[in-house]
Amino acid sequence: MNKLRIAGVMVAAALAAPLAMAADLGPVAIGPADFASVLAPSPRQKLAHVARFRLDRRPVTNGQFLEFVLHHPEWARGSVPEIFADDQYLSHWASPDSLGRAADPDQPVTRVSWYAARAYCEARGARLPTWYEWELAAAADERSIDARRDPVWRARILNWYSQPTAPSLPRVGRNPPNVYGVQDLHGLIWEWVEDFNALMVSGDSRDQGDPNKLAFCGAGALSAEDRENYPILMRIAYLSALEARSTTRALGFRCAEDIP
C-alpha cells in the first residue's frame, strides 16, 4: 500500500479511499478531453526527470465538475465525509446539484479538496499532475519553454499574487496560451498537484542537504537554482500549508495523463 510522508510522519494511504468511490462506476465522459502535450524538458531541470505528459489546457470548470457530481453524487456537497472535505466544500454553488448565479459554468471550479480533485481526474481516466510536471508547464511563456529568468515575466506573476482574490473569478481561457498551448497556469487560481503534501521546506539551511528532505520536491527546488524565483517559493509555501481536505475560493485544479 502506498504511503505518503506528512510532516515527517508516515501515514498509511487511506488517501486512496475516496478514489474508490469515484472508481466504482468506472471512467465517465466529463466533457470533451482537451489536453496539451508537454514534451520538452526544462534546460535547468537537474533534480528530476519528467517524462512527457499531457495537461489540461485550462483548469476544470464549475460546469465540468457539476457533470462529475451528477455522475458521482457521493461527491456532492453534504455527502462528502468531513475527513475528505472541509465545511466550505462547493459552498458557492446554489445547491449540491446546481450552480446558481454565483458559479458560472465557465469559471474555474474552486472550493474543492485534493481528494475531490483527485477523484474527478480518476473518473476521467486521468490524474492530478505532479508538482514537477505542473512547474515544468508553468515555466513556459508565450515564446519560450523556460521563462523563469525573465524579470518581466516574474513581475507579471508576482503582481497577480499580490492582488486579493476577486469576488467573482474570470472565466477560464482568457489568458494567452503558453508555447505548449496551456492557459491560466498563472493569473487565475492556485492549483492542486498530486504531491502537494511533499512540499516540505525547512527554515534551517543546515537541513537543506538532508537526503530525506531532498526526497521532497519543494526542498529539492530550494536546494537548486530557484532560490530567487519568488513565484515558485510562494506556490510551495501556499501548497505546503494546506491539508488534503482544505478548500479555498481561489484553489482549483486541472488533470494530467501519461503519454505512452
C-alpha atoms as a PDB file:
ATOM      1  CA  MET A   1       0.000   0.000   0.000  1.00  0.00           C
ATOM      2  CA  ASN A   2       1.333   3.388  -0.965  1.00  0.00           C
ATOM      3  CA  LYS A   3       2.312   5.753   1.795  1.00  0.00           C
ATOM      4  CA  LEU A   4       2.813   9.485   1.948  1.00  0.00           C
ATOM      5  CA  ARG A   5       5.091  11.304   4.369  1.00  0.00           C
ATOM      6  CA  ILE A   6       3.364  14.278   6.017  1.00  0.00           C
ATOM      7  CA  ALA A   7       5.364  16.425   8.451  1.00  0.00           C
ATOM      8  CA  GLY A   8       7.847  13.606   8.881  1.00  0.00           C
ATOM      9  CA  VAL A   9       5.227  11.020   9.865  1.00  0.00           C
ATOM     10  CA  MET A  10       4.486   8.033   7.664  1.00  0.00           C
ATOM     11  CA  VAL A  11       0.735   7.824   7.185  1.00  0.00           C
ATOM     12  CA  ALA A  12      -0.981   4.809   5.600  1.00  0.00           C
ATOM     13  CA  ALA A  13      -2.521   5.728   2.270  1.00  0.00           C
ATOM     14  CA  ALA A  14      -6.130   5.723   3.245  1.00  0.00           C
ATOM     15  CA  LEU A  15      -5.868   8.717   0.896  1.00  0.00           C
ATOM     16  CA  ALA A  16      -6.805   6.307  -1.862  1.00  0.00           C
ATOM     17  CA  ALA A  17     -10.157   5.560  -0.234  1.00  0.00           C
ATOM     18  CA  PRO A  18     -12.139   8.406  -1.832  1.00  0.00           C
ATOM     19  CA  LEU A  19     -10.911   7.338  -5.250  1.00  0.00           C
ATOM     20  CA  ALA A  20     -12.672   4.038  -4.797  1.00  0.00           C
ATOM     21  CA  MET A  21     -15.964   5.917  -4.534  1.00  0.00           C
ATOM     22  CA  ALA A  22     -15.464   7.524  -7.937  1.00  0.00           C
ATOM     23  CA  ALA A  23     -13.964   4.399  -9.491  1.00  0.00           C
ATOM     24  CA  ASP A  24     -16.986   2.227  -8.703  1.00  0.00           C
ATOM     25  CA  LEU A  25     -18.746   3.347 -11.861  1.00  0.00           C
ATOM     26  CA  GLY A  26     -15.590   3.395 -13.960  1.00  0.00           C
ATOM     27  CA  PRO A  27     -14.328   6.327 -16.052  1.00  0.00           C
ATOM     28  CA  VAL A  28     -17.084   8.598 -17.321  1.00  0.00           C
ATOM     29  CA  ALA A  29     -17.132  11.154 -20.104  1.00  0.00           C
ATOM     30  CA  ILE A  30     -16.982  14.562 -18.432  1.00  0.00           C
ATOM     31  CA  GLY A  31     -16.967  16.970 -21.335  1.00  0.00           C
ATOM     32  CA  PRO A  32     -14.522  16.712 -24.256  1.00  0.00           C
ATOM     33  CA  ALA A  33     -10.908  15.960 -23.397  1.00  0.00           C
ATOM     34  CA  ASP A  34      -8.691  18.898 -24.281  1.00  0.00           C
ATOM     35  CA  PHE A  35      -5.126  18.033 -23.380  1.00  0.00           C
ATOM     36  CA  ALA A  36      -1.941  19.748 -24.498  1.00  0.00           C
ATOM     37  CA  SER A  37       1.254  17.718 -24.770  1.00  0.00           C
ATOM     38  CA  VAL A  38       4.201  18.859 -22.677  1.00  0.00           C
ATOM     39  CA  LEU A  39       7.212  17.191 -24.240  1.00  0.00           C
ATOM     40  CA  ALA A  40      10.262  19.400 -23.872  1.00  0.00           C
ATOM     41  CA  PRO A  41      12.272  19.175 -20.647  1.00  0.00           C
ATOM     42  CA  SER A  42      13.335  22.382 -18.960  1.00  0.00           C
ATOM     43  CA  PRO A  43      17.018  23.092 -19.673  1.00  0.00           C
ATOM     44  CA  ARG A  44      17.512  23.864 -15.950  1.00  0.00           C
ATOM     45  CA  GLN A  45      15.747  20.760 -14.700  1.00  0.00           C
ATOM     46  CA  LYS A  46      18.501  18.769 -12.988  1.00  0.00           C
ATOM     47  CA  LEU A  47      16.996  17.125  -9.940  1.00  0.00           C
ATOM     48  CA  ALA A  48      14.270  15.035 -11.510  1.00  0.00           C
ATOM     49  CA  HIS A  49      13.331  13.559 -14.839  1.00  0.00           C
ATOM     50  CA  VAL A  50       9.840  14.380 -16.042  1.00  0.00           C
ATOM     51  CA  ALA A  51       8.524  12.061 -18.704  1.00  0.00           C
ATOM     52  CA  ARG A  52       6.400  13.565 -21.439  1.00  0.00           C
ATOM     53  CA  PHE A  53       2.795  14.004 -20.405  1.00  0.00           C
ATOM     54  CA  ARG A  54      -0.449  15.714 -21.306  1.00  0.00           C
ATOM     55  CA  LEU A  55      -2.003  18.505 -19.294  1.00  0.00           C
ATOM     56  CA  ASP A  56      -5.456  20.077 -19.443  1.00  0.00           C
ATOM     57  CA  ARG A  57      -5.257  23.242 -21.488  1.00  0.00           C
ATOM     58  CA  ARG A  58      -7.451  25.031 -18.948  1.00  0.00           C
ATOM     59  CA  PRO A  59      -8.476  24.474 -15.335  1.00  0.00           C
ATOM     60  CA  VAL A  60     -11.510  22.309 -14.633  1.00  0.00           C
ATOM     61  CA  THR A  61     -14.664  24.447 -14.648  1.00  0.00           C
ATOM     62  CA  ASN A  62     -17.769  24.555 -12.495  1.00  0.00           C
ATOM     63  CA  GLY A  63     -19.715  23.071 -15.383  1.00  0.00           C
ATOM     64  CA  GLN A  64     -17.351  20.139 -15.777  1.00  0.00           C
ATOM     65  CA  PHE A  65     -17.274  19.455 -12.052  1.00  0.00           C
ATOM     66  CA  LEU A  66     -21.064  19.591 -11.918  1.00  0.00           C
ATOM     67  CA  GLU A  67     -21.168  16.819 -14.535  1.00  0.00           C
ATOM     68  CA  PHE A  68     -18.863  14.789 -12.315  1.00  0.00           C
ATOM     69  CA  VAL A  69     -21.043  15.379  -9.247  1.00  0.00           C
ATOM     70  CA  LEU A  70     -24.167  14.342 -11.163  1.00  0.00           C
ATOM     71  CA  HIS A  71     -22.438  11.097 -12.172  1.00  0.00           C
ATOM     72  CA  HIS A  72     -20.980  10.615  -8.685  1.00  0.00           C
ATOM     73  CA  PRO A  73     -23.425  12.090  -6.131  1.00  0.00           C
ATOM     74  CA  GLU A  74     -21.198  10.835  -3.313  1.00  0.00           C
ATOM     75  CA  TRP A  75     -19.039  13.881  -4.152  1.00  0.00           C
ATOM     76  CA  ALA A  76     -21.922  16.335  -3.854  1.00  0.00           C
ATOM     77  CA  ARG A  77     -21.863  18.954  -1.116  1.00  0.00           C
ATOM     78  CA  GLY A  78     -23.316  17.468   2.030  1.00  0.00           C
ATOM     79  CA  SER A  79     -22.473  13.901   1.001  1.00  0.00           C
ATOM     80  CA  VAL A  80     -18.698  14.001   1.339  1.00  0.00           C
ATOM     81  CA  PRO A  81     -17.363  12.875   4.752  1.00  0.00           C
ATOM     82  CA  GLU A  82     -15.674  15.724   6.609  1.00  0.00           C
ATOM     83  CA  ILE A  83     -12.372  13.869   6.519  1.00  0.00           C
ATOM     84  CA  PHE A  84     -12.369  14.366   2.723  1.00  0.00           C
ATOM     85  CA  ALA A  85     -13.531  17.999   2.538  1.00  0.00           C
ATOM     86  CA  ASP A  86     -13.951  20.898   4.950  1.00  0.00           C
ATOM     87  CA  ASP A  87     -17.239  22.726   5.530  1.00  0.00           C
ATOM     88  CA  GLN A  88     -16.637  25.203   2.680  1.00  0.00           C
ATOM     89  CA  TYR A  89     -16.623  22.495   0.002  1.00  0.00           C
ATOM     90  CA  LEU A  90     -18.547  23.838  -3.033  1.00  0.00           C
ATOM     91  CA  SER A  91     -20.220  26.343  -0.728  1.00  0.00           C
ATOM     92  CA  HIS A  92     -20.589  28.878  -3.559  1.00  0.00           C
ATOM     93  CA  TRP A  93     -22.903  26.574  -5.524  1.00  0.00           C
ATOM     94  CA  ALA A  94     -26.634  27.199  -5.168  1.00  0.00           C
ATOM     95  CA  SER A  95     -27.306  23.600  -4.138  1.00  0.00           C
ATOM     96  CA  PRO A  96     -25.489  20.262  -4.128  1.00  0.00           C
ATOM     97  CA  ASP A  97     -26.524  19.606  -7.732  1.00  0.00           C
ATOM     98  CA  SER A  98     -26.866  23.080  -9.288  1.00  0.00           C
ATOM     99  CA  LEU A  99     -24.555  26.051  -9.795  1.00  0.00           C
ATOM    100  CA  GLY A 100     -26.789  29.085  -9.415  1.00  0.00           C
ATOM    101  CA  ARG A 101     -25.827  32.685 -10.150  1.00  0.00           C
ATOM    102  CA  ALA A 102     -22.664  32.728  -8.044  1.00  0.00           C
ATOM    103  CA  ALA A 103     -20.962  29.949 -10.026  1.00  0.00           C
ATOM    104  CA  ASP A 104     -20.700  30.468 -13.773  1.00  0.00           C
ATOM    105  CA  PRO A 105     -20.250  27.144 -15.603  1.00  0.00           C
ATOM    106  CA  ASP A 106     -17.165  28.520 -17.404  1.00  0.00           C
ATOM    107  CA  GLN A 107     -15.425  29.763 -14.275  1.00  0.00           C
ATOM    108  CA  PRO A 108     -12.767  27.509 -12.760  1.00  0.00           C
ATOM    109  CA  VAL A 109     -14.197  25.299 -10.066  1.00  0.00           C
ATOM    110  CA  THR A 110     -12.811  26.222  -6.646  1.00  0.00           C
ATOM    111  CA  ARG A 111     -13.569  25.245  -3.051  1.00  0.00           C
ATOM    112  CA  VAL A 112     -12.688  21.650  -3.907  1.00  0.00           C
ATOM    113  CA  SER A 113     -10.450  19.469  -1.768  1.00  0.00           C
ATOM    114  CA  TRP A 114      -7.460  17.487  -3.002  1.00  0.00           C
ATOM    115  CA  TYR A 115      -9.489  14.325  -2.504  1.00  0.00           C
ATOM    116  CA  ALA A 116     -12.290  15.630  -4.706  1.00  0.00           C
ATOM    117  CA  ALA A 117      -9.910  16.899  -7.385  1.00  0.00           C
ATOM    118  CA  ARG A 118      -8.144  13.545  -7.420  1.00  0.00           C
ATOM    119  CA  ALA A 119     -11.430  11.657  -7.661  1.00  0.00           C
ATOM    120  CA  TYR A 120     -12.579  13.855 -10.562  1.00  0.00           C
ATOM    121  CA  CYS A 121      -9.410  13.167 -12.544  1.00  0.00           C
ATOM    122  CA  GLU A 122      -9.640   9.461 -11.742  1.00  0.00           C
ATOM    123  CA  ALA A 123     -13.228   9.385 -13.009  1.00  0.00           C
ATOM    124  CA  ARG A 124     -11.983  10.897 -16.257  1.00  0.00           C
ATOM    125  CA  GLY A 125      -9.325   8.221 -16.583  1.00  0.00           C
ATOM    126  CA  ALA A 126      -6.669  10.820 -15.788  1.00  0.00           C
ATOM    127  CA  ARG A 127      -4.790  12.046 -12.685  1.00  0.00           C
ATOM    128  CA  LEU A 128      -3.576  15.193 -10.994  1.00  0.00           C
ATOM    129  CA  PRO A 129      -0.250  16.499 -12.301  1.00  0.00           C
ATOM    130  CA  THR A 130       2.792  16.148 -10.098  1.00  0.00           C
ATOM    131  CA  TRP A 131       4.460  19.281  -8.778  1.00  0.00           C
ATOM    132  CA  TYR A 132       7.383  18.890 -11.202  1.00  0.00           C
ATOM    133  CA  GLU A 133       5.006  18.434 -14.137  1.00  0.00           C
ATOM    134  CA  TRP A 134       2.956  21.491 -13.194  1.00  0.00           C
ATOM    135  CA  GLU A 135       6.060  23.623 -12.684  1.00  0.00           C
ATOM    136  CA  LEU A 136       7.563  22.436 -15.967  1.00  0.00           C
ATOM    137  CA  ALA A 137       4.470  23.546 -17.869  1.00  0.00           C
ATOM    138  CA  ALA A 138       4.200  26.751 -15.810  1.00  0.00           C
ATOM    139  CA  ALA A 139       7.809  27.743 -16.578  1.00  0.00           C
ATOM    140  CA  ALA A 140       6.850  28.455 -20.190  1.00  0.00           C
ATOM    141  CA  ASP A 141       5.570  31.743 -21.533  1.00  0.00           C
ATOM    142  CA  GLU A 142       4.152  32.522 -24.971  1.00  0.00           C
ATOM    143  CA  ARG A 143       7.547  32.231 -26.670  1.00  0.00           C
ATOM    144  CA  SER A 144       9.878  30.119 -24.541  1.00  0.00           C
ATOM    145  CA  ILE A 145       9.728  26.793 -22.712  1.00  0.00           C
ATOM    146  CA  ASP A 146      11.613  28.333 -19.784  1.00  0.00           C
ATOM    147  CA  ALA A 147      10.943  31.978 -18.948  1.00  0.00           C
ATOM    148  CA  ARG A 148      11.926  31.759 -15.280  1.00  0.00           C
ATOM    149  CA  ARG A 149      14.893  34.109 -15.676  1.00  0.00           C
ATOM    150  CA  ASP A 150      12.824  36.793 -17.369  1.00  0.00           C
ATOM    151  CA  PRO A 151      12.287  39.523 -14.728  1.00  0.00           C
ATOM    152  CA  VAL A 152       9.327  40.984 -16.617  1.00  0.00           C
ATOM    153  CA  TRP A 153       7.574  37.613 -16.689  1.00  0.00           C
ATOM    154  CA  ARG A 154       8.252  37.047 -12.983  1.00  0.00           C
ATOM    155  CA  ALA A 155       6.998  40.516 -12.114  1.00  0.00           C
ATOM    156  CA  ARG A 156       3.764  39.873 -14.007  1.00  0.00           C
ATOM    157  CA  ILE A 157       3.122  36.699 -11.992  1.00  0.00           C
ATOM    158  CA  LEU A 158       4.057  38.323  -8.696  1.00  0.00           C
ATOM    159  CA  ASN A 159       1.687  41.178  -9.428  1.00  0.00           C
ATOM    160  CA  TRP A 160      -1.170  38.691  -9.605  1.00  0.00           C
ATOM    161  CA  TYR A 161      -0.077  37.009  -6.364  1.00  0.00           C
ATOM    162  CA  SER A 162      -0.110  40.402  -4.646  1.00  0.00           C
ATOM    163  CA  GLN A 163      -3.755  41.050  -5.543  1.00  0.00           C
ATOM    164  CA  PRO A 164      -6.649  39.828  -3.374  1.00  0.00           C
ATOM    165  CA  THR A 165      -8.869  37.205  -4.948  1.00  0.00           C
ATOM    166  CA  ALA A 166     -11.684  38.855  -6.885  1.00  0.00           C
ATOM    167  CA  PRO A 167     -15.213  38.285  -5.557  1.00  0.00           C
ATOM    168  CA  SER A 168     -16.072  36.706  -8.903  1.00  0.00           C
ATOM    169  CA  LEU A 169     -13.418  34.784 -10.814  1.00  0.00           C
ATOM    170  CA  PRO A 170     -12.971  35.332 -14.560  1.00  0.00           C
ATOM    171  CA  ARG A 171     -13.874  32.548 -16.954  1.00  0.00           C
ATOM    172  CA  VAL A 172     -11.160  30.108 -17.983  1.00  0.00           C
ATOM    173  CA  GLY A 173      -9.269  30.549 -21.238  1.00  0.00           C
ATOM    174  CA  ARG A 174      -8.897  34.338 -21.176  1.00  0.00           C
ATOM    175  CA  ASN A 175      -5.128  34.355 -20.657  1.00  0.00           C
ATOM    176  CA  PRO A 176      -2.932  33.718 -23.707  1.00  0.00           C
ATOM    177  CA  PRO A 177      -1.702  30.136 -24.120  1.00  0.00           C
ATOM    178  CA  ASN A 178       1.948  29.366 -23.485  1.00  0.00           C
ATOM    179  CA  VAL A 179       4.138  27.587 -26.026  1.00  0.00           C
ATOM    180  CA  TYR A 180       2.538  24.254 -25.143  1.00  0.00           C
ATOM    181  CA  GLY A 181      -0.969  25.614 -25.658  1.00  0.00           C
ATOM    182  CA  VAL A 182      -1.769  25.614 -21.909  1.00  0.00           C
ATOM    183  CA  GLN A 183      -3.691  28.559 -20.430  1.00  0.00           C
ATOM    184  CA  ASP A 184      -4.333  30.040 -16.997  1.00  0.00           C
ATOM    185  CA  LEU A 185      -1.409  28.475 -15.144  1.00  0.00           C
ATOM    186  CA  HIS A 186      -0.832  31.978 -13.791  1.00  0.00           C
ATOM    187  CA  GLY A 187      -3.205  34.832 -13.120  1.00  0.00           C
ATOM    188  CA  LEU A 188      -6.410  32.970 -12.345  1.00  0.00           C
ATOM    189  CA  ILE A 189      -6.287  30.484  -9.431  1.00  0.00           C
ATOM    190  CA  TRP A 190      -3.936  28.347  -7.359  1.00  0.00           C
ATOM    191  CA  GLU A 191      -3.973  24.671  -8.347  1.00  0.00           C
ATOM    192  CA  TRP A 192      -3.728  21.341  -6.570  1.00  0.00           C
ATOM    193  CA  VAL A 193      -0.933  18.936  -7.516  1.00  0.00           C
ATOM    194  CA  GLU A 194      -0.730  15.255  -6.674  1.00  0.00           C
ATOM    195  CA  ASP A 195       2.219  15.545  -4.288  1.00  0.00           C
ATOM    196  CA  PHE A 196       1.288  18.863  -2.657  1.00  0.00           C
ATOM    197  CA  ASN A 197       1.967  17.414   0.796  1.00  0.00           C
ATOM    198  CA  ALA A 198       5.543  16.532  -0.135  1.00  0.00           C
ATOM    199  CA  LEU A 199       6.469  20.212  -0.487  1.00  0.00           C
ATOM    200  CA  MET A 200       8.096  20.358   2.920  1.00  0.00           C
ATOM    201  CA  VAL A 201      10.656  23.113   3.389  1.00  0.00           C
ATOM    202  CA  SER A 202      12.856  23.626   6.416  1.00  0.00           C
ATOM    203  CA  GLY A 203      13.632  27.088   7.727  1.00  0.00           C
ATOM    204  CA  ASP A 204      17.036  25.820   8.832  1.00  0.00           C
ATOM    205  CA  SER A 205      19.504  25.988   5.957  1.00  0.00           C
ATOM    206  CA  ARG A 206      21.513  23.216   7.615  1.00  0.00           C
ATOM    207  CA  ASP A 207      18.683  20.848   6.748  1.00  0.00           C
ATOM    208  CA  GLN A 208      18.834  21.517   3.029  1.00  0.00           C
ATOM    209  CA  GLY A 209      21.496  18.855   2.480  1.00  0.00           C
ATOM    210  CA  ASP A 210      19.491  16.208   4.322  1.00  0.00           C
ATOM    211  CA  PRO A 211      18.870  13.405   1.769  1.00  0.00           C
ATOM    212  CA  ASN A 212      15.496  12.701   3.369  1.00  0.00           C
ATOM    213  CA  LYS A 213      14.386  16.284   2.797  1.00  0.00           C
ATOM    214  CA  LEU A 214      15.755  16.220  -0.729  1.00  0.00           C
ATOM    215  CA  ALA A 215      13.279  13.456  -1.447  1.00  0.00           C
ATOM    216  CA  PHE A 216      10.642  16.191  -1.301  1.00  0.00           C
ATOM    217  CA  CYS A 217      10.369  18.207  -4.485  1.00  0.00           C
ATOM    218  CA  GLY A 218       9.925  21.507  -2.651  1.00  0.00           C
ATOM    219  CA  ALA A 219      13.155  21.036  -0.730  1.00  0.00           C
ATOM    220  CA  GLY A 220      14.841  19.947  -3.925  1.00  0.00           C
ATOM    221  CA  ALA A 221      13.840  23.170  -5.631  1.00  0.00           C
ATOM    222  CA  LEU A 222      15.220  25.280  -2.797  1.00  0.00           C
ATOM    223  CA  SER A 223      18.482  23.375  -2.873  1.00  0.00           C
ATOM    224  CA  ALA A 224      18.888  24.049  -6.583  1.00  0.00           C
ATOM    225  CA  GLU A 225      18.751  27.215  -8.643  1.00  0.00           C
ATOM    226  CA  ASP A 226      15.333  28.670  -7.845  1.00  0.00           C
ATOM    227  CA  ARG A 227      16.065  30.491  -4.606  1.00  0.00           C
ATOM    228  CA  GLU A 228      15.382  33.828  -6.337  1.00  0.00           C
ATOM    229  CA  ASN A 229      12.275  32.621  -8.129  1.00  0.00           C
ATOM    230  CA  TYR A 230       9.746  34.038  -5.707  1.00  0.00           C
ATOM    231  CA  PRO A 231       6.641  32.827  -7.592  1.00  0.00           C
ATOM    232  CA  ILE A 232       7.820  29.229  -7.094  1.00  0.00           C
ATOM    233  CA  LEU A 233       8.578  29.854  -3.433  1.00  0.00           C
ATOM    234  CA  MET A 234       5.116  31.347  -2.948  1.00  0.00           C
ATOM    235  CA  ARG A 235       3.482  28.317  -4.571  1.00  0.00           C
ATOM    236  CA  ILE A 236       5.470  25.980  -2.335  1.00  0.00           C
ATOM    237  CA  ALA A 237       4.519  27.980   0.746  1.00  0.00           C
ATOM    238  CA  TYR A 238       0.845  28.051  -0.231  1.00  0.00           C
ATOM    239  CA  LEU A 239       0.510  24.371  -1.084  1.00  0.00           C
ATOM    240  CA  SER A 240       2.567  23.095   1.846  1.00  0.00           C
ATOM    241  CA  ALA A 241       0.243  24.950   4.234  1.00  0.00           C
ATOM    242  CA  LEU A 242      -2.816  23.027   3.019  1.00  0.00           C
ATOM    243  CA  GLU A 243      -4.451  19.867   4.242  1.00  0.00           C
ATOM    244  CA  ALA A 244      -5.882  17.401   1.733  1.00  0.00           C
ATOM    245  CA  ARG A 245      -9.404  18.305   2.924  1.00  0.00           C
ATOM    246  CA  SER A 246      -8.813  22.055   2.551  1.00  0.00           C
ATOM    247  CA  THR A 247     -10.879  24.186   0.204  1.00  0.00           C
ATOM    248  CA  THR A 248     -10.490  27.879  -0.621  1.00  0.00           C
ATOM    249  CA  ARG A 249     -12.214  30.215  -3.047  1.00  0.00           C
ATOM    250  CA  ALA A 250      -9.030  30.604  -5.095  1.00  0.00           C
ATOM    251  CA  LEU A 251      -7.937  26.941  -5.255  1.00  0.00           C
ATOM    252  CA  GLY A 252      -8.850  24.684  -8.178  1.00  0.00           C
ATOM    253  CA  PHE A 253      -7.117  22.114 -10.358  1.00  0.00           C
ATOM    254  CA  ARG A 254      -6.578  20.576 -13.770  1.00  0.00           C
ATOM    255  CA  CYS A 255      -5.866  16.990 -14.815  1.00  0.00           C
ATOM    256  CA  ALA A 256      -2.939  15.299 -16.493  1.00  0.00           C
ATOM    257  CA  GLU A 257      -2.280  11.970 -18.157  1.00  0.00           C
ATOM    258  CA  ASP A 258       0.730   9.942 -19.223  1.00  0.00           C
ATOM    259  CA  ILE A 259       1.813   9.709 -22.841  1.00  0.00           C
ATOM    260  CA  PRO A 260       2.604   6.055 -23.683  1.00  0.00           C
END
